[in-house]
């Protein structure tokens, strides 16, 4: 049980790295060479795996909580029909729902790690 709790603090970083790698491979199929700057988004998460830093961890957590909260607001606007979305945007909202919830949970987990645990 001690080894599980030792490695659970790395789950949010691995989650965001896997999302960045998926995003890179998806864009790389259609765009080619211009997809490589997407890999730069993975540097802070990779840095947290190699040499954890409490301030960077807290900053990443706050940034992604803010981004995820904007996506949650978009879902609420869609449910309340405040903004009329196109059909393709509605399909994106439907399939991206788990992604938004996952981002919010993982970013809150990162904040919890930076507040409770010492790296």
PDB file of N, CA and C in Angstrom:
ATOM      1  N   UNK A   1       0.815  -1.186   0.000  1.00  0.00           N
ATOM      2  CA  UNK A   1       0.000   0.000   0.000  1.00  0.00           C
ATOM      3  C   UNK A   1       0.865   1.259   0.000  1.00  0.00           C
ATOM      4  N   UNK A   2       2.022   1.171   0.625  1.00  0.00           N
ATOM      5  CA  UNK A   2       2.910   2.314   0.694  1.00  0.00           C
ATOM      6  C   UNK A   2       3.459   2.666  -0.685  1.00  0.00           C
ATOM      7  N   UNK A   3       3.753   1.660  -1.515  1.00  0.00           N
ATOM      8  CA  UNK A   3       4.268   1.942  -2.851  1.00  0.00           C
ATOM      9  C   UNK A   3       3.192   2.532  -3.749  1.00  0.00           C
ATOM     10  N   UNK A   4       1.933   2.125  -3.541  1.00  0.00           N
ATOM     11  CA  UNK A   4       0.843   2.693  -4.337  1.00  0.00           C
ATOM     12  C   UNK A   4       0.680   4.177  -4.028  1.00  0.00           C
ATOM     13  N   UNK A   5       0.688   4.523  -2.758  1.00  0.00           N
ATOM     14  CA  UNK A   5       0.544   5.930  -2.387  1.00  0.00           C
ATOM     15  C   UNK A   5       1.769   6.743  -2.806  1.00  0.00           C
ATOM     16  N   UNK A   6       2.903   6.081  -2.948  1.00  0.00           N
ATOM     17  CA  UNK A   6       4.111   6.774  -3.380  1.00  0.00           C
ATOM     18  C   UNK A   6       4.007   7.209  -4.845  1.00  0.00           C
ATOM     19  N   UNK A   7       3.382   6.386  -5.677  1.00  0.00           N
ATOM     20  CA  UNK A   7       3.317   6.668  -7.108  1.00  0.00           C
ATOM     21  C   UNK A   7       2.017   7.308  -7.563  1.00  0.00           C
ATOM     22  N   UNK A   8       1.009   7.412  -6.710  1.00  0.00           N
ATOM     23  CA  UNK A   8      -0.256   8.018  -7.133  1.00  0.00           C
ATOM     24  C   UNK A   8      -0.130   9.512  -7.382  1.00  0.00           C
ATOM     25  N   UNK A   9       0.858  10.158  -6.808  1.00  0.00           N
ATOM     26  CA  UNK A   9       1.024  11.590  -7.043  1.00  0.00           C
ATOM     27  C   UNK A   9       1.455  11.896  -8.479  1.00  0.00           C
ATOM     28  N   UNK A  10       1.909  10.882  -9.215  1.00  0.00           N
ATOM     29  CA  UNK A  10       2.338  11.096 -10.595  1.00  0.00           C
ATOM     30  C   UNK A  10       1.225  10.877 -11.620  1.00  0.00           C
ATOM     31  N   UNK A  11       0.067  10.414 -11.197  1.00  0.00           N
ATOM     32  CA  UNK A  11      -1.024  10.112 -12.134  1.00  0.00           C
ATOM     33  C   UNK A  11      -1.482  11.342 -12.911  1.00  0.00           C
ATOM     34  N   UNK A  12      -1.675  12.520 -12.290  1.00  0.00           N
ATOM     35  CA  UNK A  12      -2.122  13.673 -13.091  1.00  0.00           C
ATOM     36  C   UNK A  12      -1.135  14.064 -14.186  1.00  0.00           C
ATOM     37  N   UNK A  13       0.160  13.972 -13.915  1.00  0.00           N
ATOM     38  CA  UNK A  13       1.158  14.345 -14.918  1.00  0.00           C
ATOM     39  C   UNK A  13       1.167  13.354 -16.070  1.00  0.00           C
ATOM     40  N   UNK A  14       1.027  12.080 -15.745  1.00  0.00           N
ATOM     41  CA  UNK A  14       0.961  11.067 -16.803  1.00  0.00           C
ATOM     42  C   UNK A  14      -0.313  11.227 -17.635  1.00  0.00           C
ATOM     43  N   UNK A  15      -1.406  11.628 -16.985  1.00  0.00           N
ATOM     44  CA  UNK A  15      -2.653  11.878 -17.706  1.00  0.00           C
ATOM     45  C   UNK A  15      -2.475  13.017 -18.712  1.00  0.00           C
ATOM     46  N   UNK A  16      -1.937  14.147 -18.248  1.00  0.00           N
ATOM     47  CA  UNK A  16      -1.765  15.282 -19.149  1.00  0.00           C
ATOM     48  C   UNK A  16      -0.730  14.991 -20.232  1.00  0.00           C
ATOM     49  N   UNK A  17       0.316  14.234 -19.912  1.00  0.00           N
ATOM     50  CA  UNK A  17       1.284  13.846 -20.945  1.00  0.00           C
ATOM     51  C   UNK A  17       0.643  12.950 -21.999  1.00  0.00           C
ATOM     52  N   UNK A  18      -0.219  12.035 -21.570  1.00  0.00           N
ATOM     53  CA  UNK A  18      -0.881  11.170 -22.547  1.00  0.00           C
ATOM     54  C   UNK A  18      -1.838  11.963 -23.430  1.00  0.00           C
ATOM     55  N   UNK A  19      -2.519  12.972 -22.877  1.00  0.00           N
ATOM     56  CA  UNK A  19      -3.389  13.827 -23.682  1.00  0.00           C
ATOM     57  C   UNK A  19      -2.575  14.619 -24.692  1.00  0.00           C
ATOM     58  N   UNK A  20      -1.425  15.137 -24.284  1.00  0.00           N
ATOM     59  CA  UNK A  20      -0.566  15.904 -25.190  1.00  0.00           C
ATOM     60  C   UNK A  20      -0.023  15.010 -26.297  1.00  0.00           C
ATOM     61  N   UNK A  21       0.362  13.794 -25.965  1.00  0.00           N
ATOM     62  CA  UNK A  21       0.872  12.865 -26.982  1.00  0.00           C
ATOM     63  C   UNK A  21      -0.236  12.489 -27.965  1.00  0.00           C
ATOM     64  N   UNK A  22      -1.446  12.260 -27.464  1.00  0.00           N
ATOM     65  CA  UNK A  22      -2.570  11.960 -28.355  1.00  0.00           C
ATOM     66  C   UNK A  22      -2.868  13.149 -29.268  1.00  0.00           C
ATOM     67  N   UNK A  23      -2.875  14.352 -28.701  1.00  0.00           N
ATOM     68  CA  UNK A  23      -3.144  15.557 -29.471  1.00  0.00           C
ATOM     69  C   UNK A  23      -2.073  15.736 -30.548  1.00  0.00           C
ATOM     70  N   UNK A  24      -0.815  15.489 -30.195  1.00  0.00           N
ATOM     71  CA  UNK A  24       0.278  15.603 -31.157  1.00  0.00           C
ATOM     72  C   UNK A  24       0.119  14.601 -32.302  1.00  0.00           C
ATOM     73  N   UNK A  25      -0.158  13.344 -31.972  1.00  0.00           N
ATOM     74  CA  UNK A  25      -0.265  12.345 -33.041  1.00  0.00           C
ATOM     75  C   UNK A  25      -1.480  12.603 -33.937  1.00  0.00           C
ATOM     76  N   UNK A  26      -2.559  13.093 -33.370  1.00  0.00           N
ATOM     77  CA  UNK A  26      -3.745  13.389 -34.159  1.00  0.00           C
ATOM     78  C   UNK A  26      -3.488  14.556 -35.121  1.00  0.00           C
ATOM     79  N   UNK A  27      -2.854  15.617 -34.639  1.00  0.00           N
ATOM     80  CA  UNK A  27      -2.547  16.772 -35.486  1.00  0.00           C
ATOM     81  C   UNK A  27      -1.434  16.436 -36.470  1.00  0.00           C
ATOM     82  N   UNK A  28      -0.495  15.601 -36.065  1.00  0.00           N
ATOM     83  CA  UNK A  28       0.628  15.250 -36.934  1.00  0.00           C
ATOM     84  C   UNK A  28       0.169  14.480 -38.168  1.00  0.00           C
ATOM     85  N   UNK A  29      -0.916  13.722 -38.053  1.00  0.00           N
ATOM     86  CA  UNK A  29      -1.431  12.984 -39.211  1.00  0.00           C
ATOM     87  C   UNK A  29      -1.893  13.918 -40.322  1.00  0.00           C
ATOM     88  N   UNK A  30      -2.502  15.034 -39.931  1.00  0.00           N
ATOM     89  CA  UNK A  30      -3.055  15.924 -40.945  1.00  0.00           C
ATOM     90  C   UNK A  30      -2.155  17.120 -41.256  1.00  0.00           C
ATOM     91  N   UNK A  31      -1.463  17.644 -40.266  1.00  0.00           N
ATOM     92  CA  UNK A  31      -0.688  18.868 -40.459  1.00  0.00           C
ATOM     93  C   UNK A  31       0.789  18.612 -40.724  1.00  0.00           C
ATOM     94  N   UNK A  32       1.304  17.534 -40.221  1.00  0.00           N
ATOM     95  CA  UNK A  32       2.710  17.219 -40.438  1.00  0.00           C
ATOM     96  C   UNK A  32       3.632  17.950 -39.486  1.00  0.00           C
ATOM     97  N   UNK A  33       4.605  18.636 -40.028  1.00  0.00           N
ATOM     98  CA  UNK A  33       5.673  19.248 -39.257  1.00  0.00           C
ATOM     99  C   UNK A  33       5.182  20.346 -38.305  1.00  0.00           C
ATOM    100  N   UNK A  34       4.083  20.979 -38.621  1.00  0.00           N
ATOM    101  CA  UNK A  34       3.606  22.082 -37.774  1.00  0.00           C
ATOM    102  C   UNK A  34       3.011  21.593 -36.454  1.00  0.00           C
ATOM    103  N   UNK A  35       2.909  20.291 -36.225  1.00  0.00           N
ATOM    104  CA  UNK A  35       2.370  19.757 -34.976  1.00  0.00           C
ATOM    105  C   UNK A  35       3.427  19.668 -33.878  1.00  0.00           C
ATOM    106  N   UNK A  36       4.681  19.827 -34.206  1.00  0.00           N
ATOM    107  CA  UNK A  36       5.737  19.643 -33.216  1.00  0.00           C
ATOM    108  C   UNK A  36       5.738  20.664 -32.078  1.00  0.00           C
ATOM    109  N   UNK A  37       5.301  21.912 -32.292  1.00  0.00           N
ATOM    110  CA  UNK A  37       5.229  22.824 -31.127  1.00  0.00           C
ATOM    111  C   UNK A  37       4.273  22.353 -30.032  1.00  0.00           C
ATOM    112  N   UNK A  38       3.350  21.461 -30.340  1.00  0.00           N
ATOM    113  CA  UNK A  38       2.439  20.922 -29.326  1.00  0.00           C
ATOM    114  C   UNK A  38       3.225  20.173 -28.256  1.00  0.00           C
ATOM    115  N   UNK A  39       4.326  19.562 -28.637  1.00  0.00           N
ATOM    116  CA  UNK A  39       5.141  18.822 -27.674  1.00  0.00           C
ATOM    117  C   UNK A  39       5.743  19.725 -26.598  1.00  0.00           C
ATOM    118  N   UNK A  40       5.835  21.026 -26.868  1.00  0.00           N
ATOM    119  CA  UNK A  40       6.359  21.947 -25.867  1.00  0.00           C
ATOM    120  C   UNK A  40       5.449  22.042 -24.648  1.00  0.00           C
ATOM    121  N   UNK A  41       4.157  21.769 -24.826  1.00  0.00           N
ATOM    122  CA  UNK A  41       3.235  21.789 -23.696  1.00  0.00           C
ATOM    123  C   UNK A  41       3.540  20.676 -22.696  1.00  0.00           C
ATOM    124  N   UNK A  42       4.229  19.648 -23.119  1.00  0.00           N
ATOM    125  CA  UNK A  42       4.542  18.534 -22.241  1.00  0.00           C
ATOM    126  C   UNK A  42       5.752  18.748 -21.357  1.00  0.00           C
ATOM    127  N   UNK A  43       6.540  19.779 -21.626  1.00  0.00           N
ATOM    128  CA  UNK A  43       7.772  20.006 -20.872  1.00  0.00           C
ATOM    129  C   UNK A  43       7.517  20.216 -19.373  1.00  0.00           C
ATOM    130  N   UNK A  44       6.548  21.059 -18.963  1.00  0.00           N
ATOM    131  CA  UNK A  44       6.350  21.218 -17.507  1.00  0.00           C
ATOM    132  C   UNK A  44       5.904  19.932 -16.814  1.00  0.00           C
ATOM    133  N   UNK A  45       5.100  19.123 -17.495  1.00  0.00           N
ATOM    134  CA  UNK A  45       4.637  17.879 -16.885  1.00  0.00           C
ATOM    135  C   UNK A  45       5.765  16.859 -16.806  1.00  0.00           C
ATOM    136  N   UNK A  46       6.585  16.818 -17.830  1.00  0.00           N
ATOM    137  CA  UNK A  46       7.750  15.942 -17.801  1.00  0.00           C
ATOM    138  C   UNK A  46       8.737  16.389 -16.720  1.00  0.00           C
ATOM    139  N   UNK A  47       8.874  17.694 -16.554  1.00  0.00           N
ATOM    140  CA  UNK A  47       9.753  18.225 -15.514  1.00  0.00           C
ATOM    141  C   UNK A  47       9.255  17.822 -14.129  1.00  0.00           C
ATOM    142  N   UNK A  48       7.937  17.828 -13.936  1.00  0.00           N
ATOM    143  CA  UNK A  48       7.375  17.430 -12.653  1.00  0.00           C
ATOM    144  C   UNK A  48       7.630  15.955 -12.358  1.00  0.00           C
ATOM    145  N   UNK A  49       7.721  15.127 -13.383  1.00  0.00           N
ATOM    146  CA  UNK A  49       8.028  13.715 -13.173  1.00  0.00           C
ATOM    147  C   UNK A  49       9.493  13.511 -12.816  1.00  0.00           C
ATOM    148  N   UNK A  50      10.376  14.303 -13.444  1.00  0.00           N
ATOM    149  CA  UNK A  50      11.808  14.137 -13.232  1.00  0.00           C
ATOM    150  C   UNK A  50      12.266  14.810 -11.943  1.00  0.00           C
ATOM    151  N   UNK A  51      11.935  16.087 -11.794  1.00  0.00           N
ATOM    152  CA  UNK A  51      12.354  16.858 -10.618  1.00  0.00           C
ATOM    153  C   UNK A  51      11.164  17.677 -10.129  1.00  0.00           C
ATOM    154  N   UNK A  52      10.349  17.115  -9.236  1.00  0.00           N
ATOM    155  CA  UNK A  52       9.125  17.806  -8.794  1.00  0.00           C
ATOM    156  C   UNK A  52       9.415  19.127  -8.092  1.00  0.00           C
ATOM    157  N   UNK A  53       8.532  20.084  -8.366  1.00  0.00           N
ATOM    158  CA  UNK A  53       8.641  21.414  -7.796  1.00  0.00           C
ATOM    159  C   UNK A  53       7.254  21.826  -7.313  1.00  0.00           C
ATOM    160  N   UNK A  54       7.144  22.213  -6.067  1.00  0.00           N
ATOM    161  CA  UNK A  54       5.846  22.538  -5.467  1.00  0.00           C
ATOM    162  C   UNK A  54       5.200  23.762  -6.130  1.00  0.00           C
ATOM    163  N   UNK A  55       5.983  24.802  -6.444  1.00  0.00           N
ATOM    164  CA  UNK A  55       5.432  26.009  -7.048  1.00  0.00           C
ATOM    165  C   UNK A  55       4.931  25.750  -8.467  1.00  0.00           C
ATOM    166  N   UNK A  56       5.702  25.011  -9.254  1.00  0.00           N
ATOM    167  CA  UNK A  56       5.275  24.660 -10.597  1.00  0.00           C
ATOM    168  C   UNK A  56       4.028  23.791 -10.559  1.00  0.00           C
ATOM    169  N   UNK A  57       3.980  22.886  -9.626  1.00  0.00           N
ATOM    170  CA  UNK A  57       2.828  22.010  -9.468  1.00  0.00           C
ATOM    171  C   UNK A  57       1.567  22.822  -9.168  1.00  0.00           C
ATOM    172  N   UNK A  58       1.666  23.761  -8.254  1.00  0.00           N
ATOM    173  CA  UNK A  58       0.526  24.592  -7.894  1.00  0.00           C
ATOM    174  C   UNK A  58       0.108  25.474  -9.068  1.00  0.00           C
ATOM    175  N   UNK A  59       1.080  26.023  -9.794  1.00  0.00           N
ATOM    176  CA  UNK A  59       0.772  26.862 -10.957  1.00  0.00           C
ATOM    177  C   UNK A  59       0.073  26.072 -12.047  1.00  0.00           C
ATOM    178  N   UNK A  60       0.578  24.883 -12.353  1.00  0.00           N
ATOM    179  CA  UNK A  60      -0.071  24.044 -13.360  1.00  0.00           C
ATOM    180  C   UNK A  60      -1.487  23.672 -12.936  1.00  0.00           C
ATOM    181  N   UNK A  61      -1.663  23.365 -11.677  1.00  0.00           N
ATOM    182  CA  UNK A  61      -2.986  23.017 -11.173  1.00  0.00           C
ATOM    183  C   UNK A  61      -3.969  24.162 -11.314  1.00  0.00           C
ATOM    184  N   UNK A  62      -3.567  25.369 -10.927  1.00  0.00           N
ATOM    185  CA  UNK A  62      -4.447  26.540 -11.018  1.00  0.00           C
ATOM    186  C   UNK A  62      -4.772  26.857 -12.479  1.00  0.00           C
ATOM    187  N   UNK A  63      -3.787  26.798 -13.350  1.00  0.00           N
ATOM    188  CA  UNK A  63      -4.026  27.088 -14.770  1.00  0.00           C
ATOM    189  C   UNK A  63      -5.036  26.116 -15.355  1.00  0.00           C
ATOM    190  N   UNK A  64      -4.880  24.837 -15.068  1.00  0.00           N
ATOM    191  CA  UNK A  64      -5.784  23.861 -15.659  1.00  0.00           C
ATOM    192  C   UNK A  64      -7.147  23.827 -14.975  1.00  0.00           C
ATOM    193  N   UNK A  65      -7.238  24.246 -13.718  1.00  0.00           N
ATOM    194  CA  UNK A  65      -8.554  24.398 -13.093  1.00  0.00           C
ATOM    195  C   UNK A  65      -9.311  25.528 -13.789  1.00  0.00           C
ATOM    196  N   UNK A  66      -8.617  26.621 -14.072  1.00  0.00           N
ATOM    197  CA  UNK A  66      -9.262  27.738 -14.772  1.00  0.00           C
ATOM    198  C   UNK A  66      -9.720  27.340 -16.173  1.00  0.00           C
ATOM    199  N   UNK A  67      -8.861  26.655 -16.916  1.00  0.00           N
ATOM    200  CA  UNK A  67      -9.240  26.222 -18.263  1.00  0.00           C
ATOM    201  C   UNK A  67     -10.406  25.236 -18.227  1.00  0.00           C
ATOM    202  N   UNK A  68     -10.378  24.325 -17.274  1.00  0.00           N
ATOM    203  CA  UNK A  68     -11.455  23.345 -17.166  1.00  0.00           C
ATOM    204  C   UNK A  68     -12.761  24.002 -16.734  1.00  0.00           C
ATOM    205  N   UNK A  69     -12.670  25.020 -15.895  1.00  0.00           N
ATOM    206  CA  UNK A  69     -13.899  25.688 -15.467  1.00  0.00           C
ATOM    207  C   UNK A  69     -14.548  26.436 -16.625  1.00  0.00           C
ATOM    208  N   UNK A  70     -13.747  26.981 -17.543  1.00  0.00           N
ATOM    209  CA  UNK A  70     -14.320  27.598 -18.731  1.00  0.00           C
ATOM    210  C   UNK A  70     -15.032  26.563 -19.598  1.00  0.00           C
ATOM    211  N   UNK A  71     -14.481  25.379 -19.703  1.00  0.00           N
ATOM    212  CA  UNK A  71     -15.140  24.325 -20.469  1.00  0.00           C
ATOM    213  C   UNK A  71     -16.426  23.867 -19.794  1.00  0.00           C
ATOM    214  N   UNK A  72     -16.435  23.827 -18.473  1.00  0.00           N
ATOM    215  CA  UNK A  72     -17.658  23.476 -17.749  1.00  0.00           C
ATOM    216  C   UNK A  72     -18.724  24.544 -17.983  1.00  0.00           C
ATOM    217  N   UNK A  73     -18.316  25.820 -18.015  1.00  0.00           N
ATOM    218  CA  UNK A  73     -19.266  26.893 -18.325  1.00  0.00           C
ATOM    219  C   UNK A  73     -19.841  26.747 -19.730  1.00  0.00           C
ATOM    220  N   UNK A  74     -19.023  26.315 -20.662  1.00  0.00           N
ATOM    221  CA  UNK A  74     -19.525  26.087 -22.023  1.00  0.00           C
ATOM    222  C   UNK A  74     -20.584  24.994 -22.019  1.00  0.00           C
ATOM    223  N   UNK A  75     -20.386  23.948 -21.241  1.00  0.00           N
ATOM    224  CA  UNK A  75     -21.398  22.895 -21.120  1.00  0.00           C
ATOM    225  C   UNK A  75     -22.686  23.428 -20.508  1.00  0.00           C
ATOM    226  N   UNK A  76     -22.558  24.265 -19.482  1.00  0.00           N
ATOM    227  CA  UNK A  76     -23.756  24.838 -18.867  1.00  0.00           C
ATOM    228  C   UNK A  76     -24.513  25.736 -19.845  1.00  0.00           C
ATOM    229  N   UNK A  77     -23.786  26.534 -20.622  1.00  0.00           N
ATOM    230  CA  UNK A  77     -24.442  27.370 -21.620  1.00  0.00           C
ATOM    231  C   UNK A  77     -25.155  26.522 -22.661  1.00  0.00           C
ATOM    232  N   UNK A  78     -24.564  25.392 -23.011  1.00  0.00           N
ATOM    233  CA  UNK A  78     -25.203  24.499 -23.978  1.00  0.00           C
ATOM    234  C   UNK A  78     -26.471  23.892 -23.393  1.00  0.00           C
ATOM    235  N   UNK A  79     -26.415  23.486 -22.139  1.00  0.00           N
ATOM    236  CA  UNK A  79     -27.598  22.897 -21.504  1.00  0.00           C
ATOM    237  C   UNK A  79     -28.722  23.910 -21.341  1.00  0.00           C
ATOM    238  N   UNK A  80     -28.374  25.150 -21.061  1.00  0.00           N
ATOM    239  CA  UNK A  80     -29.383  26.185 -20.859  1.00  0.00           C
ATOM    240  C   UNK A  80     -29.790  26.880 -22.155  1.00  0.00           C
ATOM    241  N   UNK A  81     -29.185  26.486 -23.269  1.00  0.00           N
ATOM    242  CA  UNK A  81     -29.439  27.067 -24.592  1.00  0.00           C
ATOM    243  C   UNK A  81     -29.253  28.582 -24.610  1.00  0.00           C
ATOM    244  N   UNK A  82     -28.249  29.069 -23.904  1.00  0.00           N
ATOM    245  CA  UNK A  82     -27.924  30.492 -23.920  1.00  0.00           C
ATOM    246  C   UNK A  82     -27.268  30.860 -25.249  1.00  0.00           C
ATOM    247  N   UNK A  83     -26.416  29.975 -25.723  1.00  0.00           N
ATOM    248  CA  UNK A  83     -25.739  30.187 -27.006  1.00  0.00           C
ATOM    249  C   UNK A  83     -26.160  29.064 -27.935  1.00  0.00           C
ATOM    250  N   UNK A  84     -26.484  29.407 -29.163  1.00  0.00           N
ATOM    251  CA  UNK A  84     -26.840  28.392 -30.159  1.00  0.00           C
ATOM    252  C   UNK A  84     -25.564  27.871 -30.812  1.00  0.00           C
ATOM    253  N   UNK A  85     -25.309  26.600 -30.623  1.00  0.00           N
ATOM    254  CA  UNK A  85     -24.115  25.966 -31.163  1.00  0.00           C
ATOM    255  C   UNK A  85     -24.468  25.209 -32.432  1.00  0.00           C
ATOM    256  N   UNK A  86     -23.491  25.037 -33.300  1.00  0.00           N
ATOM    257  CA  UNK A  86     -23.694  24.227 -34.491  1.00  0.00           C
ATOM    258  C   UNK A  86     -23.712  22.753 -34.111  1.00  0.00           C
ATOM    259  N   UNK A  87     -24.129  21.914 -35.052  1.00  0.00           N
ATOM    260  CA  UNK A  87     -24.197  20.471 -34.769  1.00  0.00           C
ATOM    261  C   UNK A  87     -22.815  19.877 -34.525  1.00  0.00           C
ATOM    262  N   UNK A  88     -21.825  20.334 -35.263  1.00  0.00           N
ATOM    263  CA  UNK A  88     -20.472  19.807 -35.051  1.00  0.00           C
ATOM    264  C   UNK A  88     -19.951  20.207 -33.672  1.00  0.00           C
ATOM    265  N   UNK A  89     -20.280  21.413 -33.213  1.00  0.00           N
ATOM    266  CA  UNK A  89     -19.861  21.827 -31.870  1.00  0.00           C
ATOM    267  C   UNK A  89     -20.577  21.014 -30.804  1.00  0.00           C
ATOM    268  N   UNK A  90     -21.851  20.676 -31.039  1.00  0.00           N
ATOM    269  CA  UNK A  90     -22.595  19.855 -30.077  1.00  0.00           C
ATOM    270  C   UNK A  90     -22.022  18.448 -30.000  1.00  0.00           C
ATOM    271  N   UNK A  91     -21.586  17.890 -31.126  1.00  0.00           N
ATOM    272  CA  UNK A  91     -20.944  16.575 -31.104  1.00  0.00           C
ATOM    273  C   UNK A  91     -19.625  16.636 -30.341  1.00  0.00           C
ATOM    274  N   UNK A  92     -18.895  17.722 -30.536  1.00  0.00           N
ATOM    275  CA  UNK A  92     -17.644  17.905 -29.804  1.00  0.00           C
ATOM    276  C   UNK A  92     -17.909  17.971 -28.314  1.00  0.00           C
ATOM    277  N   UNK A  93     -18.956  18.685 -27.920  1.00  0.00           N
ATOM    278  CA  UNK A  93     -19.298  18.783 -26.499  1.00  0.00           C
ATOM    279  C   UNK A  93     -19.674  17.432 -25.934  1.00  0.00           C
ATOM    280  N   UNK A  94     -20.397  16.649 -26.700  1.00  0.00           N
ATOM    281  CA  UNK A  94     -20.819  15.334 -26.211  1.00  0.00           C
ATOM    282  C   UNK A  94     -19.620  14.415 -25.993  1.00  0.00           C
ATOM    283  N   UNK A  95     -18.740  14.348 -26.982  1.00  0.00           N
ATOM    284  CA  UNK A  95     -17.601  13.433 -26.882  1.00  0.00           C
ATOM    285  C   UNK A  95     -16.493  13.981 -25.981  1.00  0.00           C
ATOM    286  N   UNK A  96     -16.456  15.277 -25.771  1.00  0.00           N
ATOM    287  CA  UNK A  96     -15.422  15.856 -24.932  1.00  0.00           C
ATOM    288  C   UNK A  96     -15.800  15.970 -23.469  1.00  0.00           C
ATOM    289  N   UNK A  97     -16.987  15.489 -23.099  1.00  0.00           N
ATOM    290  CA  UNK A  97     -17.449  15.613 -21.724  1.00  0.00           C
ATOM    291  C   UNK A  97     -16.565  14.908 -20.722  1.00  0.00           C
ATOM    292  N   UNK A  98     -16.174  13.695 -21.037  1.00  0.00           N
ATOM    293  CA  UNK A  98     -15.285  12.958 -20.130  1.00  0.00           C
ATOM    294  C   UNK A  98     -13.908  13.612 -20.049  1.00  0.00           C
ATOM    295  N   UNK A  99     -13.484  14.172 -21.150  1.00  0.00           N
ATOM    296  CA  UNK A  99     -12.198  14.866 -21.185  1.00  0.00           C
ATOM    297  C   UNK A  99     -12.219  16.069 -20.246  1.00  0.00           C
ATOM    298  N   UNK A 100     -13.309  16.834 -20.256  1.00  0.00           N
ATOM    299  CA  UNK A 100     -13.417  18.014 -19.402  1.00  0.00           C
ATOM    300  C   UNK A 100     -13.435  17.613 -17.932  1.00  0.00           C
ATOM    301  N   UNK A 101     -14.216  16.613 -17.603  1.00  0.00           N
ATOM    302  CA  UNK A 101     -14.284  16.143 -16.215  1.00  0.00           C
ATOM    303  C   UNK A 101     -12.925  15.586 -15.784  1.00  0.00           C
ATOM    304  N   UNK A 102     -12.274  14.833 -16.665  1.00  0.00           N
ATOM    305  CA  UNK A 102     -10.942  14.299 -16.348  1.00  0.00           C
ATOM    306  C   UNK A 102      -9.928  15.400 -16.104  1.00  0.00           C
ATOM    307  N   UNK A 103      -9.948  16.438 -16.938  1.00  0.00           N
ATOM    308  CA  UNK A 103      -9.031  17.560 -16.737  1.00  0.00           C
ATOM    309  C   UNK A 103      -9.276  18.262 -15.410  1.00  0.00           C
ATOM    310  N   UNK A 104     -10.542  18.469 -15.074  1.00  0.00           N
ATOM    311  CA  UNK A 104     -10.865  19.142 -13.821  1.00  0.00           C
ATOM    312  C   UNK A 104     -10.416  18.314 -12.617  1.00  0.00           C
ATOM    313  N   UNK A 105     -10.683  17.026 -12.660  1.00  0.00           N
ATOM    314  CA  UNK A 105     -10.293  16.153 -11.544  1.00  0.00           C
ATOM    315  C   UNK A 105      -8.768  16.090 -11.409  1.00  0.00           C
ATOM    316  N   UNK A 106      -8.075  15.938 -12.526  1.00  0.00           N
ATOM    317  CA  UNK A 106      -6.609  15.835 -12.467  1.00  0.00           C
ATOM    318  C   UNK A 106      -5.962  17.146 -12.025  1.00  0.00           C
ATOM    319  N   UNK A 107      -6.511  18.279 -12.453  1.00  0.00           N
ATOM    320  CA  UNK A 107      -5.928  19.550 -12.026  1.00  0.00           C
ATOM    321  C   UNK A 107      -6.198  19.801 -10.545  1.00  0.00           C
ATOM    322  N   UNK A 108      -7.377  19.405 -10.056  1.00  0.00           N
ATOM    323  CA  UNK A 108      -7.630  19.518  -8.616  1.00  0.00           C
ATOM    324  C   UNK A 108      -6.719  18.581  -7.824  1.00  0.00           C
ATOM    325  N   UNK A 109      -6.430  17.428  -8.393  1.00  0.00           N
ATOM    326  CA  UNK A 109      -5.510  16.485  -7.758  1.00  0.00           C
ATOM    327  C   UNK A 109      -4.106  17.087  -7.668  1.00  0.00           C
ATOM    328  N   UNK A 110      -3.699  17.801  -8.719  1.00  0.00           N
ATOM    329  CA  UNK A 110      -2.382  18.436  -8.698  1.00  0.00           C
ATOM    330  C   UNK A 110      -2.311  19.506  -7.613  1.00  0.00           C
ATOM    331  N   UNK A 111      -3.380  20.280  -7.461  1.00  0.00           N
ATOM    332  CA  UNK A 111      -3.399  21.298  -6.412  1.00  0.00           C
ATOM    333  C   UNK A 111      -3.355  20.633  -5.041  1.00  0.00           C
ATOM    334  N   UNK A 112      -4.115  19.556  -4.876  1.00  0.00           N
ATOM    335  CA  UNK A 112      -4.111  18.826  -3.607  1.00  0.00           C
ATOM    336  C   UNK A 112      -2.717  18.290  -3.286  1.00  0.00           C
ATOM    337  N   UNK A 113      -2.026  17.783  -4.306  1.00  0.00           N
ATOM    338  CA  UNK A 113      -0.663  17.284  -4.093  1.00  0.00           C
ATOM    339  C   UNK A 113       0.274  18.395  -3.660  1.00  0.00           C
ATOM    340  N   UNK A 114       0.119  19.582  -4.242  1.00  0.00           N
ATOM    341  CA  UNK A 114       1.033  20.666  -3.891  1.00  0.00           C
ATOM    342  C   UNK A 114       0.745  21.240  -2.513  1.00  0.00           C
ATOM    343  N   UNK A 115      -0.501  21.120  -2.049  1.00  0.00           N
ATOM    344  CA  UNK A 115      -0.832  21.644  -0.728  1.00  0.00           C
ATOM    345  C   UNK A 115      -0.502  20.634   0.370  1.00  0.00           C
ATOM    346  N   UNK A 116      -0.865  19.362   0.155  1.00  0.00           N
ATOM    347  CA  UNK A 116      -0.741  18.355   1.218  1.00  0.00           C
ATOM    348  C   UNK A 116       0.618  17.687   1.298  1.00  0.00           C
ATOM    349  N   UNK A 117       1.195  17.348   0.175  1.00  0.00           N
ATOM    350  CA  UNK A 117       2.380  16.513   0.194  1.00  0.00           C
ATOM    351  C   UNK A 117       3.632  17.295  -0.133  1.00  0.00           C
ATOM    352  N   UNK A 118       4.712  16.883   0.437  1.00  0.00           N
ATOM    353  CA  UNK A 118       6.015  17.443   0.145  1.00  0.00           C
ATOM    354  C   UNK A 118       6.675  16.544  -0.891  1.00  0.00           C
ATOM    355  N   UNK A 119       7.195  17.145  -1.936  1.00  0.00           N
ATOM    356  CA  UNK A 119       7.832  16.353  -2.990  1.00  0.00           C
ATOM    357  C   UNK A 119       9.239  16.006  -2.626  1.00  0.00           C
TER     358      UNK A 119
END
